[in-house]
Protein backbone atom coordinates (compact mmCIF):
# COMPACT_ATOMS: atom_id res chain seq x y z
CA MET A 1 -23.96 -60.15 -30.39
CA PRO A 2 -20.63 -63.12 -30.86
CA TYR A 3 -17.97 -61.14 -32.44
CA GLU A 4 -17.67 -64.20 -34.84
CA ASP A 5 -20.94 -62.92 -36.58
CA ILE A 6 -19.49 -59.53 -36.87
CA LYS A 7 -16.67 -60.58 -38.59
CA ASN A 8 -19.07 -62.88 -41.09
CA ALA A 9 -21.61 -59.39 -41.14
CA VAL A 10 -18.27 -57.17 -42.51
CA LEU A 11 -17.46 -59.93 -44.80
CA GLN A 12 -20.68 -60.42 -46.29
CA VAL A 13 -21.54 -56.47 -46.44
CA ASN A 14 -24.93 -57.30 -44.37
CA GLU A 15 -26.73 -54.60 -44.03
CA LYS A 16 -29.36 -55.83 -41.73
CA VAL A 17 -26.84 -56.32 -38.94
CA LEU A 18 -24.33 -53.43 -40.00
CA THR A 19 -26.20 -50.34 -38.72
CA GLU A 20 -25.13 -47.31 -39.61
CA SER A 21 -24.27 -46.62 -36.12
CA LEU A 22 -22.59 -49.82 -35.56
CA VAL A 23 -20.16 -49.19 -38.57
CA GLN A 24 -19.50 -45.68 -37.14
CA ASN A 25 -18.61 -47.22 -33.44
CA LEU A 26 -16.39 -50.13 -35.28
CA ILE A 27 -14.44 -47.14 -36.96
CA LYS A 28 -13.94 -45.29 -33.61
CA GLN A 29 -13.18 -48.23 -31.54
CA LEU A 30 -11.23 -51.11 -33.29
CA PRO A 31 -7.46 -50.57 -32.97
CA GLY A 32 -5.35 -49.36 -35.97
CA PRO A 33 -3.43 -51.74 -38.59
CA GLU A 34 -0.17 -52.42 -36.57
CA GLN A 35 -1.92 -52.61 -33.47
CA LEU A 36 -4.53 -55.38 -35.30
CA ASN A 37 -1.16 -57.20 -36.36
CA VAL A 38 -0.09 -57.74 -32.72
CA LEU A 39 -3.19 -58.76 -31.94
CA ALA A 40 -3.22 -61.30 -34.73
CA GLU A 41 -0.27 -63.80 -33.56
CA MET A 42 -2.12 -63.71 -30.25
CA LYS A 43 -4.78 -66.45 -31.60
CA ASP A 44 -3.32 -68.88 -28.76
CA GLU A 45 -3.49 -66.57 -25.77
CA TYR A 46 -7.16 -65.88 -26.70
CA ASP A 47 -8.77 -67.38 -23.46
CA ASP A 48 -6.74 -65.26 -21.65
CA LEU A 49 -7.36 -62.03 -22.82
CA ALA A 50 -9.61 -59.30 -22.19
CA GLU A 51 -12.77 -59.09 -23.88
CA ALA A 52 -11.67 -56.04 -26.09
CA GLU A 53 -8.45 -58.08 -26.80
CA GLN A 54 -10.45 -60.93 -28.05
CA PHE A 55 -12.73 -58.70 -30.41
CA GLY A 56 -9.30 -57.48 -31.65
CA VAL A 57 -8.24 -60.81 -32.15
CA VAL A 58 -11.38 -62.01 -33.90
CA MET A 59 -11.89 -58.56 -36.15
CA SER A 60 -8.05 -58.59 -37.25
CA GLY A 61 -8.69 -62.17 -39.39
CA VAL A 62 -10.53 -59.60 -41.78
CA LYS A 63 -7.96 -58.31 -44.37
CA ARG A 64 -8.29 -54.71 -45.02
CA LEU A 65 -10.62 -53.93 -42.41
CA MET A 66 -10.62 -50.15 -42.17
CA PRO A 67 -10.86 -49.59 -45.88
CA ARG A 68 -14.24 -52.02 -45.63
CA LEU A 69 -15.64 -50.06 -42.66
CA GLN A 70 -15.48 -46.64 -44.30
CA ALA A 71 -16.75 -48.50 -47.84
CA ILE A 72 -19.81 -49.88 -45.84
CA GLN A 73 -20.31 -46.74 -44.01
CA PHE A 74 -20.11 -44.44 -47.60
CA ARG A 75 -22.50 -47.24 -48.98
CA LEU A 76 -24.98 -46.93 -45.75
CA GLN A 77 -24.92 -42.96 -45.89
CA PHE A 78 -25.39 -42.86 -50.03
CA GLU A 79 -28.75 -42.64 -50.44
CA GLU A 80 -29.70 -40.04 -47.67
CA GLN A 81 -26.34 -38.12 -48.68
CA LEU A 82 -28.23 -37.77 -52.46
CA ASN A 83 -31.47 -37.57 -50.92
CA ASN A 84 -29.91 -34.40 -48.97
CA ILE A 85 -28.41 -32.33 -51.65
CA LYS A 86 -30.66 -33.50 -54.99
CA PRO A 87 -33.62 -31.48 -53.67
CA ASP A 88 -31.65 -28.65 -52.73
CA VAL A 89 -30.29 -28.46 -56.58
CA VAL A 90 -34.03 -28.71 -57.54
CA ALA A 91 -35.28 -26.15 -55.83
CA VAL A 92 -32.90 -23.63 -56.78
CA THR A 93 -33.21 -24.46 -60.24
CA ALA A 94 -37.22 -24.30 -60.26
CA ALA A 95 -36.64 -21.28 -58.67
CA CYS A 96 -34.68 -19.55 -61.14
CA GLU A 97 -36.92 -20.64 -63.93
CA GLU A 98 -40.23 -19.44 -62.13
CA LEU A 99 -39.08 -15.84 -62.06
CA ARG A 100 -37.47 -15.91 -65.81
CA LYS A 101 -41.27 -16.87 -66.75
CA SER A 102 -43.52 -14.79 -63.71
CA GLU A 103 -44.83 -12.10 -65.99
CA LYS A 104 -47.03 -11.04 -62.60
CA PHE A 105 -44.06 -10.52 -61.18
CA ALA A 106 -42.57 -8.53 -63.86
CA GLN A 107 -45.27 -6.25 -63.78
CA LEU A 108 -45.06 -5.73 -60.30
CA LEU A 109 -41.36 -4.75 -60.85
CA GLN A 110 -42.71 -2.19 -63.17
CA ILE A 111 -44.87 -0.72 -60.86
CA ILE A 112 -42.03 -0.56 -57.98
CA LEU A 113 -40.17 1.21 -60.56
CA LEU A 114 -42.56 3.71 -61.87
CA VAL A 115 -43.71 4.52 -58.05
CA GLY A 116 -39.59 5.15 -57.60
CA ASN A 117 -39.08 7.03 -60.52
CA TYR A 118 -41.96 9.09 -59.50
CA MET A 119 -40.73 9.96 -55.97
CA ASN A 120 -37.32 10.23 -56.79
CA ALA A 121 -37.84 12.63 -59.60
CA GLY A 122 -35.53 15.86 -60.12
CA SER A 123 -33.01 13.92 -58.64
CA ARG A 124 -30.67 12.42 -59.73
CA ASN A 125 -32.34 9.00 -59.17
CA GLY A 126 -35.79 10.17 -61.24
CA SER A 127 -35.01 8.48 -64.43
CA ALA A 128 -33.45 4.99 -63.51
CA PHE A 129 -33.69 2.03 -65.61
CA GLY A 130 -34.12 -0.88 -62.66
CA PHE A 131 -32.87 -1.28 -59.61
CA SER A 132 -31.86 -3.92 -57.31
CA ILE A 133 -33.54 -6.97 -55.50
CA SER A 134 -32.57 -5.95 -52.41
CA TYR A 135 -34.12 -2.64 -52.49
CA LEU A 136 -37.65 -4.87 -52.58
CA CYS A 137 -37.30 -5.04 -48.71
CA LYS A 138 -36.44 -1.37 -47.69
CA LEU A 139 -40.00 -0.42 -49.15
CA ARG A 140 -41.11 -1.04 -45.45
CA ASP A 141 -38.82 1.52 -44.70
CA THR A 142 -40.09 4.34 -46.40
CA LYS A 143 -43.15 5.70 -43.96
CA SER A 144 -45.58 8.57 -44.83
CA THR A 145 -45.11 11.90 -43.28
CA ASP A 146 -47.72 10.43 -40.84
CA LEU A 147 -45.99 7.54 -40.18
CA LYS A 148 -49.23 5.72 -40.60
CA GLN A 149 -48.28 3.88 -43.90
CA THR A 150 -45.25 2.73 -45.65
CA LEU A 151 -44.47 2.62 -49.11
CA LEU A 152 -44.70 -1.43 -49.50
CA HIS A 153 -48.94 -1.05 -48.09
CA PHE A 154 -49.21 1.78 -50.09
CA LEU A 155 -47.79 -0.18 -53.33
CA ALA A 156 -49.89 -3.43 -51.97
CA GLU A 157 -52.92 -0.91 -52.14
CA VAL A 158 -52.41 0.41 -55.37
CA CYS A 159 -51.46 -3.20 -56.89
CA GLN A 160 -55.28 -4.25 -55.23
CA GLU A 161 -57.08 -1.50 -56.65
CA GLN A 162 -55.48 -0.93 -60.13
CA HIS A 163 -53.56 -4.16 -61.02
CA ALA A 164 -55.90 -7.30 -59.19
CA GLU A 165 -54.34 -9.45 -61.92
CA ILE A 166 -50.82 -9.55 -60.02
CA MET A 167 -52.34 -10.26 -56.79
CA ASP A 168 -51.51 -13.45 -56.82
CA PHE A 169 -47.62 -13.55 -58.16
CA PRO A 170 -46.51 -15.84 -54.80
CA LYS A 171 -48.45 -18.72 -56.58
CA GLU A 172 -45.67 -18.44 -59.53
CA LEU A 173 -43.04 -18.54 -57.11
CA ILE A 174 -43.67 -21.67 -55.00
CA HIS A 175 -39.80 -22.70 -54.96
CA VAL A 176 -38.31 -19.51 -53.97
CA GLU A 177 -38.93 -19.75 -50.27
CA LYS A 178 -36.79 -23.45 -50.33
CA ALA A 179 -34.55 -22.26 -52.34
CA SER A 180 -33.69 -19.45 -49.86
CA ARG A 181 -32.99 -21.99 -47.49
CA VAL A 182 -30.11 -23.40 -49.55
CA SER A 183 -26.52 -23.09 -49.20
CA ALA A 184 -25.23 -23.53 -52.63
CA GLU A 185 -21.19 -23.33 -51.24
CA THR A 186 -22.53 -26.42 -48.96
CA ILE A 187 -23.89 -28.46 -52.10
CA GLN A 188 -20.40 -27.50 -53.68
CA LYS A 189 -18.97 -29.06 -50.92
CA ASN A 190 -20.90 -32.31 -50.42
CA LEU A 191 -20.45 -33.02 -53.81
CA GLU A 192 -17.11 -32.76 -54.12
CA LEU A 193 -16.73 -35.28 -51.19
CA MET A 194 -18.71 -37.65 -52.51
CA GLY A 195 -17.18 -37.84 -55.66
CA ARG A 196 -13.49 -38.06 -53.80
CA GLN A 197 -15.41 -41.15 -51.86
CA ILE A 198 -16.29 -42.90 -54.99
CA LYS A 199 -12.80 -42.36 -56.39
CA ASN A 200 -11.21 -43.72 -53.28
CA LEU A 201 -13.49 -46.70 -53.18
CA GLN A 202 -12.85 -46.80 -56.85
CA LYS A 203 -9.00 -47.41 -56.04
CA ASP A 204 -9.54 -49.69 -53.03
CA LEU A 205 -11.51 -52.21 -55.25
CA GLU A 206 -8.97 -52.29 -57.82
CA THR A 207 -6.05 -53.36 -55.52
CA PHE A 208 -8.43 -55.04 -53.50
CA PRO A 209 -7.01 -58.88 -52.52
CA PRO A 210 -9.12 -61.66 -53.76
CA ALA A 211 -12.18 -62.39 -51.80
CA GLN A 212 -10.37 -64.63 -48.35
CA ASN A 213 -13.40 -67.23 -48.61
CA GLU A 214 -16.78 -67.89 -49.57
CA ASN A 215 -18.23 -65.38 -47.53
CA ASP A 216 -16.28 -62.74 -48.62
CA GLN A 217 -18.84 -60.74 -51.02
CA PHE A 218 -17.28 -57.29 -50.10
CA VAL A 219 -16.45 -56.85 -53.98
CA GLU A 220 -19.27 -58.07 -55.27
CA LYS A 221 -21.95 -55.67 -52.81
CA ILE A 222 -20.35 -52.80 -52.77
CA PHE A 223 -22.10 -50.55 -55.45
CA VAL A 224 -19.25 -48.52 -57.13
CA SER A 225 -20.38 -48.26 -60.51
CA HIS A 226 -24.03 -47.23 -58.97
CA ALA A 227 -22.71 -44.73 -57.19
CA GLN A 228 -20.48 -43.23 -59.57
CA GLU A 229 -23.75 -43.13 -62.31
CA GLN A 230 -26.05 -41.69 -59.73
CA TYR A 231 -22.99 -39.10 -58.81
CA GLU A 232 -22.70 -38.31 -62.05
CA LYS A 233 -26.68 -37.28 -62.68
CA LEU A 234 -26.85 -35.20 -59.62
CA ASP A 235 -23.41 -33.49 -60.86
CA MET A 236 -25.13 -32.63 -64.18
CA LEU A 237 -27.89 -31.20 -62.38
CA HIS A 238 -25.77 -29.18 -60.38
CA LYS A 239 -24.23 -27.95 -63.08
CA ASN A 240 -27.52 -26.99 -64.94
CA MET A 241 -28.56 -24.98 -61.14
CA GLU A 242 -25.25 -23.03 -61.51
CA LYS A 243 -26.04 -22.25 -65.30
CA GLN A 244 -29.94 -20.91 -64.23
CA TYR A 245 -28.03 -18.90 -61.64
CA ALA A 246 -25.76 -17.22 -63.81
CA ASP A 247 -28.54 -16.60 -66.48
CA LEU A 248 -30.74 -15.14 -63.77
CA GLY A 249 -27.73 -12.98 -62.66
CA GLU A 250 -27.46 -11.55 -66.15
CA TYR A 251 -31.59 -11.52 -66.65
CA PHE A 252 -31.68 -9.00 -63.06
CA VAL A 253 -28.27 -7.70 -63.63
CA PHE A 254 -26.14 -8.48 -60.45
CA ASP A 255 -22.96 -10.61 -60.02
CA PRO A 256 -23.99 -14.43 -58.95
CA ARG A 257 -20.37 -14.83 -57.78
CA LYS A 258 -21.12 -11.60 -55.20
CA ILE A 259 -24.40 -12.57 -54.21
CA SER A 260 -24.96 -15.94 -53.14
CA VAL A 261 -27.96 -17.97 -53.96
CA GLU A 262 -29.51 -17.58 -50.15
CA GLU A 263 -29.00 -14.27 -50.03
CA PHE A 264 -30.78 -13.58 -53.13
CA PHE A 265 -33.81 -15.69 -52.82
CA GLY A 266 -33.53 -14.91 -49.26
CA ASP A 267 -34.43 -11.42 -50.15
CA LEU A 268 -37.36 -12.21 -52.69
CA SER A 269 -38.97 -14.71 -50.10
CA ASN A 270 -38.69 -12.18 -47.54
CA PHE A 271 -40.44 -9.77 -50.19
CA LYS A 272 -42.79 -12.04 -50.90
CA ASN A 273 -44.31 -12.44 -47.25
CA MET A 274 -44.10 -8.91 -46.46
CA PHE A 275 -46.16 -7.92 -49.49
CA GLN A 276 -48.93 -10.37 -48.43
CA GLN A 277 -48.69 -9.09 -44.66
CA ALA A 278 -48.97 -5.83 -46.18
CA VAL A 279 -52.28 -6.66 -48.23
CA THR A 280 -53.57 -8.62 -44.94
CA GLU A 281 -52.88 -5.29 -42.95
CA ASN A 282 -54.88 -2.82 -45.60
CA GLN A 283 -57.49 -4.81 -44.93
CA LYS A 284 -57.80 -5.15 -41.30
CA ARG A 285 -57.12 -1.43 -41.66
CA LYS A 286 -59.61 -0.58 -44.24
CA GLU A 287 -62.29 -2.79 -41.76
CA ALA A 288 -61.39 -0.71 -38.62
CA GLU A 289 -61.97 2.31 -40.60
CA GLU A 290 -65.21 1.05 -41.71
CA LYS A 291 -66.12 0.46 -38.47
CA ILE A 292 -65.00 3.88 -37.04
CA LYS A 293 -67.47 5.20 -39.58
CA ARG A 294 -70.25 3.16 -39.03
CA ALA A 295 -69.95 3.52 -35.19
CA LYS A 296 -69.88 7.44 -36.16
CA LEU A 297 -72.84 7.62 -38.05
CA ALA A 298 -74.62 5.37 -35.82
CA ARG A 299 -73.90 7.68 -32.91
CA GLU A 300 -74.92 10.94 -34.96
CA LYS A 301 -78.09 9.61 -36.01
CA ALA A 302 -78.64 8.52 -32.08
CA GLU A 303 -78.32 12.08 -31.19
CA LYS A 304 -80.16 13.68 -34.07
CA GLU A 305 -82.80 11.61 -33.05
CA LYS A 306 -82.11 12.49 -29.14
CA GLU A 307 -82.39 16.27 -30.22
CA GLU A 308 -85.69 15.48 -32.32
CA LYS A 309 -87.07 13.72 -28.92
CA GLN A 310 -86.18 16.64 -27.19
CA LYS A 311 -87.79 18.92 -29.21
CA ARG A 312 -91.10 17.38 -29.45
CA SER A 313 -91.04 17.07 -25.78
CA GLN A 314 -90.95 20.49 -25.52
CA LEU A 315 -94.14 21.35 -27.94
CA PRO A 316 -96.68 22.90 -25.69
CA ASN A 317 -99.99 20.80 -25.29
CA MET A 318 -102.87 22.41 -26.62
CA ASP A 319 -105.14 20.75 -24.58
CA ALA A 320 -103.67 22.98 -21.68
CA GLU A 321 -105.72 25.86 -22.65
CA GLY A 322 -104.98 27.61 -19.30
CA ASP A 323 -101.55 27.77 -19.75
CA GLU A 324 -100.90 28.94 -23.48
CA THR A 325 -103.72 31.60 -23.33
CA GLY A 326 -102.05 33.13 -20.08
CA ILE A 327 -99.06 33.24 -22.47
CA MET A 328 -100.83 34.97 -25.74
CA ASP A 329 -102.72 37.14 -23.32
CA GLY A 330 -99.06 38.37 -21.84
CA LEU A 331 -97.79 38.38 -25.37
CA LEU A 332 -100.66 40.47 -26.86
CA GLU A 333 -101.07 42.85 -23.58
CA ALA A 334 -97.28 43.56 -24.03
CA LEU A 335 -97.53 44.38 -27.56
CA GLN A 336 -100.43 46.57 -27.50
CA SER A 337 -99.36 48.73 -24.52
CA GLY A 338 -96.13 48.93 -25.70
CA ALA A 339 -94.53 48.16 -22.89
CA ALA A 340 -92.42 45.15 -25.00
CA PHE A 341 -90.55 48.31 -26.68
CA ARG A 342 -90.03 50.22 -23.84
CA ARG A 343 -86.71 48.70 -22.75
CA LYS A 344 -83.25 50.88 -22.25
CA ARG A 345 -80.63 49.80 -24.93
CA GLY A 346 -77.64 47.92 -23.76
CA PRO A 347 -74.10 47.98 -25.27
CA ARG A 348 -73.88 47.91 -29.12
CA GLN A 349 -73.20 44.40 -28.88
CA ALA A 350 -76.54 43.60 -27.70
CA ALA A 351 -78.91 45.41 -30.02
CA ALA A 352 -78.91 41.88 -32.32
CA VAL A 353 -81.11 40.76 -29.29
CA CYS A 354 -84.55 40.43 -31.06
CA VAL A 355 -86.78 41.57 -28.30
CA THR A 356 -87.79 42.10 -24.49
CA SER A 357 -87.00 39.39 -22.25
CA MET A 358 -90.87 38.46 -22.36
CA LEU A 359 -91.13 38.55 -25.75
CA ASP A 360 -88.07 36.34 -26.20
CA ALA A 361 -89.37 33.73 -23.41
CA SER A 362 -92.91 33.89 -25.44
CA LEU A 363 -91.93 33.49 -28.54
CA THR A 364 -89.47 30.80 -27.56
CA ARG A 365 -92.16 28.41 -27.16
CA LEU A 366 -94.67 30.07 -29.28
CA CYS A 367 -92.45 29.25 -32.28
CA HIS A 368 -93.14 25.57 -32.02
CA PHE A 369 -96.86 25.82 -32.66
CA CYS A 370 -97.71 29.52 -34.19
CA PHE A 371 -98.20 28.60 -37.47
CA THR A 372 -100.70 26.24 -36.07
CA LEU A 373 -102.98 28.80 -34.89
CA PRO A 374 -105.80 30.17 -36.46
CA GLN A 375 -106.02 33.25 -35.37
CA PHE A 376 -102.77 34.47 -36.30
CA ARG A 377 -100.50 35.18 -38.96
CA VAL A 378 -96.90 35.35 -38.72
CA PHE A 379 -94.43 37.56 -40.82
CA HIS A 380 -90.67 37.29 -40.46
CA GLY A 381 -88.54 40.21 -40.49
CA GLY A 382 -89.03 43.70 -40.61
CA LEU A 383 -87.04 46.08 -38.49
CA PHE A 384 -88.01 48.15 -35.36
CA GLY A 385 -85.70 50.78 -34.20
CA SER A 386 -82.56 48.70 -33.89
CA GLN A 387 -84.05 45.34 -33.24
CA ALA A 388 -85.21 42.68 -35.29
CA VAL A 389 -88.98 41.81 -34.37
CA VAL A 390 -91.67 39.06 -35.31
CA TYR A 391 -95.03 41.07 -35.84
CA LEU A 392 -98.40 39.17 -35.02
CA GLN A 393 -101.17 40.48 -36.67
CA PRO A 394 -104.81 38.88 -36.24
CA LEU A 395 -106.88 37.60 -39.55
């Protein structure tokens, strides 16, 4: 770009030519006022000068060049600075108002206080009237004796089962997360810098020389009145934000000068996320427990069916007359002859055995079907000597 075009763009405050990066480079690379004055006296030697010196000679023709460039840079950056500060101020203000108005969050705090007082019953902390917001993030550090559940998970479960109406309290605190990333100190510094820049610009314009030619539109285009108006509005929003945060400190009983905006809303944002995570983990745990329970019931059912199937498979075949007749004949013969009872007694602990090995083996198979035999009646009980027996008596 020809040097004269750049010079005219500065005089006309032509933002189509003067991009922010170009203005920044000019401020960095151009020599100081004294050197520019020296170069201005070398106009007659222009063709013999190096390109950098030629550029300096051309730009030296602009009166108060550096203040112009700084003012143009401020103009180019003003909207961006405004848009960086204003959303943060609005977010903190909105978060303060949401906390004050949220009935669901207040009810949740009451439940937490109640649980805390119950756990601390008998100690000096057992009758607390409140607690620090920072304590909310420590609920996850308190665990049950089996280390399987935290106090936060317990609270989430209690709220879900008994106070379902407060479970969506995060929807009432939508600006808390944004506010947790705001640095009130940075906002203050940026506002102070903006205010100083506007004051300096006002002073420069008051002492600025008349337009040096018809192309010089600097005074007309520099928007100091507009910038001042926008700054005052932003400053009012900032003061309201500070008041809202101070009122919040009184409401939650903390010193806003000691606990920063970033720290306070950071704790709330973390708690909100941890609470929602605990709800999700509780749900997954319940689903896992239900799955294990269903698997156990299915396994027990399968085992029971298997046992019943095995029992059914051991029932004697009534059509196999030879085998069953042999069993019954052997049993009756042993009973009639008394051979079944001429067995030597064993140790004391063996006295509870039902009958001889023959009876034992026979009755084991017989018990599955004896109630269906037409020719015998079964009597349970009775004592024979020191042995419990079963009498089989013909009808």
